[in-house]
Full PDB file with SEQRES, HELIX, SHEET, SSBOND, CRYST1, ORIGX, SCALE, CONECT and MASTER records, all heavy atoms in Angstrom:
SEQRES   1 A   30  PHE GLY ILE SER THR GLU HIS ASP ARG ILE PHE LEU ASN          
SEQRES   2 A   30  ASN GLY LEU ILE ALA GLN LYS GLU GLY PHE GLY GLY ARG          
SEQRES   3 A   30  THR GLY VAL TYR                                              
HELIX    1 AA1 ASN A   14  GLY A   22  1                                   9    
SHEET    1 AA1 2 THR A   5  GLU A   6  0                                        
SHEET    2 AA1 2 PHE A  11  LEU A  12 -1                                        
CRYST1    1.000    1.000    1.000  90.00  90.00  90.00 P 1           1          
ORIGX1      1.000000  0.000000  0.000000        0.00000                         
ORIGX2      0.000000  1.000000  0.000000        0.00000                         
ORIGX3      0.000000  0.000000  1.000000        0.00000                         
SCALE1      1.000000  0.000000  0.000000        0.00000                         
SCALE2      0.000000  1.000000  0.000000        0.00000                         
SCALE3      0.000000  0.000000  1.000000        0.00000                         
ATOM      1  N   PHE A   1     155.921 -39.038  68.231  1.00  0.00           N  
ATOM      2  CA  PHE A   1     157.317 -39.669  68.156  1.00  0.00           C  
ATOM      3  C   PHE A   1     158.137 -39.116  69.355  1.00  0.00           C  
ATOM      4  O   PHE A   1     159.196 -39.623  69.504  1.00  0.00           O  
ATOM      5  CB  PHE A   1     157.965 -39.348  66.815  1.00  0.00           C  
ATOM      6  CG  PHE A   1     157.508 -40.174  65.690  1.00  0.00           C  
ATOM      7  CD1 PHE A   1     156.667 -39.606  64.745  1.00  0.00           C  
ATOM      8  CD2 PHE A   1     157.899 -41.467  65.483  1.00  0.00           C  
ATOM      9  CE1 PHE A   1     156.236 -40.444  63.621  1.00  0.00           C  
ATOM     10  CE2 PHE A   1     157.507 -42.217  64.443  1.00  0.00           C  
ATOM     11  CZ  PHE A   1     156.596 -41.665  63.530  1.00  0.00           C  
ATOM     12  N   GLY A   2     157.671 -38.134  70.067  1.00  0.00           N  
ATOM     13  CA  GLY A   2     158.450 -37.598  71.183  1.00  0.00           C  
ATOM     14  C   GLY A   2     159.408 -36.522  70.738  1.00  0.00           C  
ATOM     15  O   GLY A   2     159.543 -36.266  69.508  1.00  0.00           O  
ATOM     16  N   ILE A   3     160.100 -35.919  71.712  1.00  0.00           N  
ATOM     17  CA  ILE A   3     160.790 -34.606  71.434  1.00  0.00           C  
ATOM     18  C   ILE A   3     162.174 -34.969  70.746  1.00  0.00           C  
ATOM     19  O   ILE A   3     162.788 -36.038  70.835  1.00  0.00           O  
ATOM     20  CB  ILE A   3     161.055 -33.857  72.659  1.00  0.00           C  
ATOM     21  CG1 ILE A   3     161.912 -34.635  73.666  1.00  0.00           C  
ATOM     22  CG2 ILE A   3     159.738 -33.525  73.378  1.00  0.00           C  
ATOM     23  CD1 ILE A   3     162.459 -33.829  74.825  1.00  0.00           C  
ATOM     24  N   SER A   4     162.554 -33.906  69.990  1.00  0.00           N  
ATOM     25  CA  SER A   4     163.846 -33.922  69.284  1.00  0.00           C  
ATOM     26  C   SER A   4     164.709 -32.777  69.778  1.00  0.00           C  
ATOM     27  O   SER A   4     165.738 -32.350  69.148  1.00  0.00           O  
ATOM     28  CB  SER A   4     163.687 -33.854  67.798  1.00  0.00           C  
ATOM     29  OG  SER A   4     162.986 -34.941  67.321  1.00  0.00           O  
ATOM     30  N   THR A   5     164.378 -32.177  70.929  1.00  0.00           N  
ATOM     31  CA  THR A   5     165.149 -31.059  71.575  1.00  0.00           C  
ATOM     32  C   THR A   5     166.014 -31.637  72.659  1.00  0.00           C  
ATOM     33  O   THR A   5     165.634 -32.535  73.340  1.00  0.00           O  
ATOM     34  CB  THR A   5     164.187 -29.899  72.009  1.00  0.00           C  
ATOM     35  OG1 THR A   5     163.076 -30.536  72.581  1.00  0.00           O  
ATOM     36  CG2 THR A   5     163.809 -29.036  70.851  1.00  0.00           C  
ATOM     37  N   GLU A   6     167.181 -30.978  72.749  1.00  0.00           N  
ATOM     38  CA  GLU A   6     168.095 -31.482  73.813  1.00  0.00           C  
ATOM     39  C   GLU A   6     168.769 -30.325  74.541  1.00  0.00           C  
ATOM     40  O   GLU A   6     168.459 -29.062  74.196  1.00  0.00           O  
ATOM     41  CB  GLU A   6     169.297 -32.263  73.054  1.00  0.00           C  
ATOM     42  CG  GLU A   6     168.800 -33.455  72.301  1.00  0.00           C  
ATOM     43  CD  GLU A   6     169.879 -34.070  71.516  1.00  0.00           C  
ATOM     44  OE1 GLU A   6     171.023 -33.553  71.443  1.00  0.00           O  
ATOM     45  OE2 GLU A   6     169.645 -35.185  70.903  1.00  0.00           O  
ATOM     46  N   HIS A   7     169.559 -30.569  75.566  1.00  0.00           N  
ATOM     47  CA  HIS A   7     170.312 -29.564  76.285  1.00  0.00           C  
ATOM     48  C   HIS A   7     169.378 -28.495  76.841  1.00  0.00           C  
ATOM     49  O   HIS A   7     169.508 -27.283  76.506  1.00  0.00           O  
ATOM     50  CB  HIS A   7     171.481 -28.954  75.483  1.00  0.00           C  
ATOM     51  CG  HIS A   7     172.391 -30.019  74.896  1.00  0.00           C  
ATOM     52  ND1 HIS A   7     173.124 -30.804  75.695  1.00  0.00           N  
ATOM     53  CD2 HIS A   7     172.746 -30.255  73.670  1.00  0.00           C  
ATOM     54  CE1 HIS A   7     173.961 -31.600  74.962  1.00  0.00           C  
ATOM     55  NE2 HIS A   7     173.639 -31.329  73.655  1.00  0.00           N  
ATOM     56  N   ASP A   8     168.468 -28.905  77.629  1.00  0.00           N  
ATOM     57  CA  ASP A   8     167.413 -28.033  78.224  1.00  0.00           C  
ATOM     58  C   ASP A   8     166.628 -27.306  77.185  1.00  0.00           C  
ATOM     59  O   ASP A   8     166.354 -26.135  77.346  1.00  0.00           O  
ATOM     60  CB  ASP A   8     168.159 -27.020  79.213  1.00  0.00           C  
ATOM     61  CG  ASP A   8     167.178 -26.426  80.245  1.00  0.00           C  
ATOM     62  OD1 ASP A   8     166.131 -27.088  80.532  1.00  0.00           O  
ATOM     63  OD2 ASP A   8     167.433 -25.337  80.699  1.00  0.00           O  
ATOM     64  N   ARG A   9     166.367 -27.982  76.069  1.00  0.00           N  
ATOM     65  CA  ARG A   9     165.411 -27.522  75.106  1.00  0.00           C  
ATOM     66  C   ARG A   9     165.918 -26.372  74.151  1.00  0.00           C  
ATOM     67  O   ARG A   9     165.223 -25.848  73.458  1.00  0.00           O  
ATOM     68  CB  ARG A   9     164.071 -27.027  75.703  1.00  0.00           C  
ATOM     69  CG  ARG A   9     163.376 -28.136  76.465  1.00  0.00           C  
ATOM     70  CD  ARG A   9     162.183 -27.618  77.205  1.00  0.00           C  
ATOM     71  NE  ARG A   9     161.355 -28.697  77.807  1.00  0.00           N  
ATOM     72  CZ  ARG A   9     161.568 -29.055  79.085  1.00  0.00           C  
ATOM     73  NH1 ARG A   9     162.472 -28.458  79.866  1.00  0.00           N  
ATOM     74  NH2 ARG A   9     160.847 -30.040  79.625  1.00  0.00           N  
ATOM     75  N   ILE A  10     167.249 -26.167  74.317  1.00  0.00           N  
ATOM     76  CA  ILE A  10     167.812 -25.047  73.497  1.00  0.00           C  
ATOM     77  C   ILE A  10     168.450 -25.535  72.203  1.00  0.00           C  
ATOM     78  O   ILE A  10     168.764 -24.744  71.265  1.00  0.00           O  
ATOM     79  CB  ILE A  10     168.818 -24.141  74.260  1.00  0.00           C  
ATOM     80  CG1 ILE A  10     170.049 -25.076  74.619  1.00  0.00           C  
ATOM     81  CG2 ILE A  10     168.134 -23.542  75.459  1.00  0.00           C  
ATOM     82  CD1 ILE A  10     171.148 -24.249  75.237  1.00  0.00           C  
ATOM     83  N   PHE A  11     168.527 -26.851  72.072  1.00  0.00           N  
ATOM     84  CA  PHE A  11     169.194 -27.306  70.776  1.00  0.00           C  
ATOM     85  C   PHE A  11     168.283 -28.310  70.095  1.00  0.00           C  
ATOM     86  O   PHE A  11     167.687 -29.244  70.724  1.00  0.00           O  
ATOM     87  CB  PHE A  11     170.508 -28.071  71.227  1.00  0.00           C  
ATOM     88  CG  PHE A  11     171.117 -28.896  70.075  1.00  0.00           C  
ATOM     89  CD1 PHE A  11     171.740 -28.244  69.021  1.00  0.00           C  
ATOM     90  CD2 PHE A  11     171.100 -30.253  70.066  1.00  0.00           C  
ATOM     91  CE1 PHE A  11     172.342 -28.943  67.977  1.00  0.00           C  
ATOM     92  CE2 PHE A  11     171.679 -31.054  69.037  1.00  0.00           C  
ATOM     93  CZ  PHE A  11     172.259 -30.337  68.004  1.00  0.00           C  
ATOM     94  N   LEU A  12     168.077 -28.163  68.801  1.00  0.00           N  
ATOM     95  CA  LEU A  12     167.242 -29.041  68.036  1.00  0.00           C  
ATOM     96  C   LEU A  12     168.137 -30.015  67.238  1.00  0.00           C  
ATOM     97  O   LEU A  12     169.024 -29.698  66.598  1.00  0.00           O  
ATOM     98  CB  LEU A  12     166.439 -28.260  66.988  1.00  0.00           C  
ATOM     99  CG  LEU A  12     165.565 -29.146  66.027  1.00  0.00           C  
ATOM    100  CD1 LEU A  12     164.421 -29.871  66.849  1.00  0.00           C  
ATOM    101  CD2 LEU A  12     164.961 -28.188  64.889  1.00  0.00           C  
ATOM    102  N   ASN A  13     167.894 -31.343  67.604  1.00  0.00           N  
ATOM    103  CA  ASN A  13     168.692 -32.353  66.887  1.00  0.00           C  
ATOM    104  C   ASN A  13     167.974 -32.541  65.510  1.00  0.00           C  
ATOM    105  O   ASN A  13     167.012 -33.272  65.402  1.00  0.00           O  
ATOM    106  CB  ASN A  13     168.558 -33.700  67.726  1.00  0.00           C  
ATOM    107  CG  ASN A  13     169.355 -34.824  67.094  1.00  0.00           C  
ATOM    108  OD1 ASN A  13     169.639 -34.926  65.995  1.00  0.00           O  
ATOM    109  ND2 ASN A  13     169.919 -35.665  68.036  1.00  0.00           N  
ATOM    110  N   ASN A  14     168.559 -31.961  64.544  1.00  0.00           N  
ATOM    111  CA  ASN A  14     168.065 -31.896  63.153  1.00  0.00           C  
ATOM    112  C   ASN A  14     167.993 -33.278  62.548  1.00  0.00           C  
ATOM    113  O   ASN A  14     167.059 -33.630  61.808  1.00  0.00           O  
ATOM    114  CB  ASN A  14     168.884 -30.917  62.291  1.00  0.00           C  
ATOM    115  CG  ASN A  14     168.648 -29.499  62.668  1.00  0.00           C  
ATOM    116  OD1 ASN A  14     167.525 -28.984  62.548  1.00  0.00           O  
ATOM    117  ND2 ASN A  14     169.704 -28.779  63.042  1.00  0.00           N  
ATOM    118  N   GLY A  15     168.991 -34.089  62.766  1.00  0.00           N  
ATOM    119  CA  GLY A  15     169.009 -35.510  62.250  1.00  0.00           C  
ATOM    120  C   GLY A  15     167.903 -36.280  62.809  1.00  0.00           C  
ATOM    121  O   GLY A  15     167.172 -37.065  62.063  1.00  0.00           O  
ATOM    122  N   LEU A  16     167.689 -36.133  64.127  1.00  0.00           N  
ATOM    123  CA  LEU A  16     166.560 -36.957  64.827  1.00  0.00           C  
ATOM    124  C   LEU A  16     165.201 -36.543  64.224  1.00  0.00           C  
ATOM    125  O   LEU A  16     164.326 -37.392  63.958  1.00  0.00           O  
ATOM    126  CB  LEU A  16     166.676 -36.817  66.284  1.00  0.00           C  
ATOM    127  CG  LEU A  16     165.722 -37.560  67.088  1.00  0.00           C  
ATOM    128  CD1 LEU A  16     165.808 -39.045  66.843  1.00  0.00           C  
ATOM    129  CD2 LEU A  16     165.914 -37.261  68.641  1.00  0.00           C  
ATOM    130  N   ILE A  17     164.908 -35.269  64.267  1.00  0.00           N  
ATOM    131  CA  ILE A  17     163.581 -34.812  63.826  1.00  0.00           C  
ATOM    132  C   ILE A  17     163.394 -35.130  62.270  1.00  0.00           C  
ATOM    133  O   ILE A  17     162.278 -35.310  61.842  1.00  0.00           O  
ATOM    134  CB  ILE A  17     163.391 -33.267  64.197  1.00  0.00           C  
ATOM    135  CG1 ILE A  17     161.836 -33.037  64.156  1.00  0.00           C  
ATOM    136  CG2 ILE A  17     164.102 -32.400  63.210  1.00  0.00           C  
ATOM    137  CD1 ILE A  17     161.484 -31.640  64.734  1.00  0.00           C  
ATOM    138  N   ALA A  18     164.433 -35.013  61.499  1.00  0.00           N  
ATOM    139  CA  ALA A  18     164.279 -35.343  60.127  1.00  0.00           C  
ATOM    140  C   ALA A  18     163.895 -36.820  59.919  1.00  0.00           C  
ATOM    141  O   ALA A  18     163.099 -37.103  59.032  1.00  0.00           O  
ATOM    142  CB  ALA A  18     165.633 -35.073  59.331  1.00  0.00           C  
ATOM    143  N   GLN A  19     164.436 -37.698  60.723  1.00  0.00           N  
ATOM    144  CA  GLN A  19     164.109 -39.106  60.664  1.00  0.00           C  
ATOM    145  C   GLN A  19     162.623 -39.274  60.967  1.00  0.00           C  
ATOM    146  O   GLN A  19     161.935 -39.953  60.253  1.00  0.00           O  
ATOM    147  CB  GLN A  19     164.926 -39.913  61.686  1.00  0.00           C  
ATOM    148  CG  GLN A  19     164.673 -41.426  61.678  1.00  0.00           C  
ATOM    149  CD  GLN A  19     165.414 -42.137  62.700  1.00  0.00           C  
ATOM    150  OE1 GLN A  19     165.687 -41.562  63.810  1.00  0.00           O  
ATOM    151  NE2 GLN A  19     165.641 -43.369  62.572  1.00  0.00           N  
ATOM    152  N   LYS A  20     162.134 -38.592  61.899  1.00  0.00           N  
ATOM    153  CA  LYS A  20     160.714 -38.760  62.347  1.00  0.00           C  
ATOM    154  C   LYS A  20     159.833 -38.095  61.229  1.00  0.00           C  
ATOM    155  O   LYS A  20     158.719 -38.641  60.900  1.00  0.00           O  
ATOM    156  CB  LYS A  20     160.421 -38.098  63.696  1.00  0.00           C  
ATOM    157  CG  LYS A  20     161.228 -38.696  64.814  1.00  0.00           C  
ATOM    158  CD  LYS A  20     161.178 -37.917  66.083  1.00  0.00           C  
ATOM    159  CE  LYS A  20     161.958 -38.503  67.171  1.00  0.00           C  
ATOM    160  NZ  LYS A  20     161.926 -37.695  68.455  1.00  0.00           N  
ATOM    161  N   GLU A  21     160.222 -36.935  60.713  1.00  0.00           N  
ATOM    162  CA  GLU A  21     159.472 -36.298  59.565  1.00  0.00           C  
ATOM    163  C   GLU A  21     159.476 -37.248  58.362  1.00  0.00           C  
ATOM    164  O   GLU A  21     158.494 -37.196  57.587  1.00  0.00           O  
ATOM    165  CB  GLU A  21     160.059 -35.021  59.223  1.00  0.00           C  
ATOM    166  CG  GLU A  21     159.898 -33.951  60.339  1.00  0.00           C  
ATOM    167  CD  GLU A  21     160.782 -32.673  60.089  1.00  0.00           C  
ATOM    168  OE1 GLU A  21     161.762 -32.750  59.317  1.00  0.00           O  
ATOM    169  OE2 GLU A  21     160.489 -31.640  60.682  1.00  0.00           O  
ATOM    170  N   GLY A  22     160.501 -38.105  58.277  1.00  0.00           N  
ATOM    171  CA  GLY A  22     160.542 -39.007  57.095  1.00  0.00           C  
ATOM    172  C   GLY A  22     159.365 -39.959  57.137  1.00  0.00           C  
ATOM    173  O   GLY A  22     159.100 -40.547  56.054  1.00  0.00           O  
ATOM    174  N   PHE A  23     158.784 -40.279  58.283  1.00  0.00           N  
ATOM    175  CA  PHE A  23     157.669 -41.115  58.336  1.00  0.00           C  
ATOM    176  C   PHE A  23     156.331 -40.441  58.005  1.00  0.00           C  
ATOM    177  O   PHE A  23     155.251 -41.025  58.060  1.00  0.00           O  
ATOM    178  CB  PHE A  23     157.555 -41.836  59.750  1.00  0.00           C  
ATOM    179  CG  PHE A  23     158.630 -42.792  59.941  1.00  0.00           C  
ATOM    180  CD1 PHE A  23     159.770 -42.519  60.727  1.00  0.00           C  
ATOM    181  CD2 PHE A  23     158.506 -44.045  59.404  1.00  0.00           C  
ATOM    182  CE1 PHE A  23     160.730 -43.417  60.947  1.00  0.00           C  
ATOM    183  CE2 PHE A  23     159.535 -44.994  59.601  1.00  0.00           C  
ATOM    184  CZ  PHE A  23     160.723 -44.695  60.362  1.00  0.00           C  
ATOM    185  N   GLY A  24     156.423 -39.139  57.785  1.00  0.00           N  
ATOM    186  CA  GLY A  24     155.174 -38.321  57.420  1.00  0.00           C  
ATOM    187  C   GLY A  24     154.665 -37.495  58.569  1.00  0.00           C  
ATOM    188  O   GLY A  24     153.576 -36.930  58.556  1.00  0.00           O  
ATOM    189  N   GLY A  25     155.523 -37.401  59.675  1.00  0.00           N  
ATOM    190  CA  GLY A  25     155.154 -36.593  60.812  1.00  0.00           C  
ATOM    191  C   GLY A  25     155.571 -35.114  60.629  1.00  0.00           C  
ATOM    192  O   GLY A  25     156.433 -34.792  59.796  1.00  0.00           O  
ATOM    193  N   ARG A  26     154.911 -34.243  61.376  1.00  0.00           N  
ATOM    194  CA  ARG A  26     155.276 -32.814  61.432  1.00  0.00           C  
ATOM    195  C   ARG A  26     155.209 -32.292  62.838  1.00  0.00           C  
ATOM    196  O   ARG A  26     154.670 -32.999  63.676  1.00  0.00           O  
ATOM    197  CB  ARG A  26     154.301 -32.035  60.554  1.00  0.00           C  
ATOM    198  CG  ARG A  26     154.420 -32.371  59.067  1.00  0.00           C  
ATOM    199  CD  ARG A  26     155.848 -31.980  58.490  1.00  0.00           C  
ATOM    200  NE  ARG A  26     155.877 -32.188  57.032  1.00  0.00           N  
ATOM    201  CZ  ARG A  26     156.438 -33.326  56.514  1.00  0.00           C  
ATOM    202  NH1 ARG A  26     156.791 -34.331  57.274  1.00  0.00           N  
ATOM    203  NH2 ARG A  26     156.493 -33.391  55.186  1.00  0.00           N  
ATOM    204  N   THR A  27     155.787 -31.241  63.020  1.00  0.00           N  
ATOM    205  CA  THR A  27     156.035 -30.717  64.404  1.00  0.00           C  
ATOM    206  C   THR A  27     154.777 -30.369  65.196  1.00  0.00           C  
ATOM    207  O   THR A  27     153.836 -29.759  64.755  1.00  0.00           O  
ATOM    208  CB  THR A  27     156.932 -29.432  64.390  1.00  0.00           C  
ATOM    209  OG1 THR A  27     158.229 -29.763  63.789  1.00  0.00           O  
ATOM    210  CG2 THR A  27     157.186 -28.885  65.814  1.00  0.00           C  
ATOM    211  N   GLY A  28     154.730 -30.862  66.433  1.00  0.00           N  
ATOM    212  CA  GLY A  28     153.816 -30.502  67.487  1.00  0.00           C  
ATOM    213  C   GLY A  28     154.706 -30.194  68.647  1.00  0.00           C  
ATOM    214  O   GLY A  28     155.791 -30.660  68.755  1.00  0.00           O  
ATOM    215  N   VAL A  29     154.222 -29.356  69.566  1.00  0.00           N  
ATOM    216  CA  VAL A  29     155.015 -28.873  70.676  1.00  0.00           C  
ATOM    217  C   VAL A  29     154.469 -29.296  72.044  1.00  0.00           C  
ATOM    218  O   VAL A  29     153.247 -29.452  72.202  1.00  0.00           O  
ATOM    219  CB  VAL A  29     155.113 -27.351  70.662  1.00  0.00           C  
ATOM    220  CG1 VAL A  29     155.796 -26.885  69.302  1.00  0.00           C  
ATOM    221  CG2 VAL A  29     153.849 -26.612  70.770  1.00  0.00           C  
ATOM    222  N   TYR A  30     155.398 -29.388  72.955  1.00  0.00           N  
ATOM    223  CA  TYR A  30     155.057 -29.543  74.428  1.00  0.00           C  
ATOM    224  C   TYR A  30     155.418 -28.247  74.986  1.00  0.00           C  
ATOM    225  O   TYR A  30     156.526 -27.834  74.994  1.00  0.00           O  
ATOM    226  CB  TYR A  30     155.997 -30.637  75.054  1.00  0.00           C  
ATOM    227  CG  TYR A  30     155.906 -32.004  74.466  1.00  0.00           C  
ATOM    228  CD1 TYR A  30     156.796 -33.039  75.035  1.00  0.00           C  
ATOM    229  CD2 TYR A  30     154.960 -32.445  73.506  1.00  0.00           C  
ATOM    230  CE1 TYR A  30     156.788 -34.338  74.558  1.00  0.00           C  
ATOM    231  CE2 TYR A  30     154.963 -33.710  73.081  1.00  0.00           C  
ATOM    232  CZ  TYR A  30     155.804 -34.681  73.570  1.00  0.00           C  
ATOM    233  OH  TYR A  30     155.828 -35.975  73.136  1.00  0.00           O  
TER     234      TYR A  30                                                      
MASTER        0    0    0    1    2    0    0    6  233    1    0    3          
END                                                                             
């Protein structure tokens, strides 16, 4: 689904990642 981090990777957009997790996804990292 692509990244949910912002502002040079120091901020996690909790709403955005929750939406993606809602489809059954879980965190993987770049």
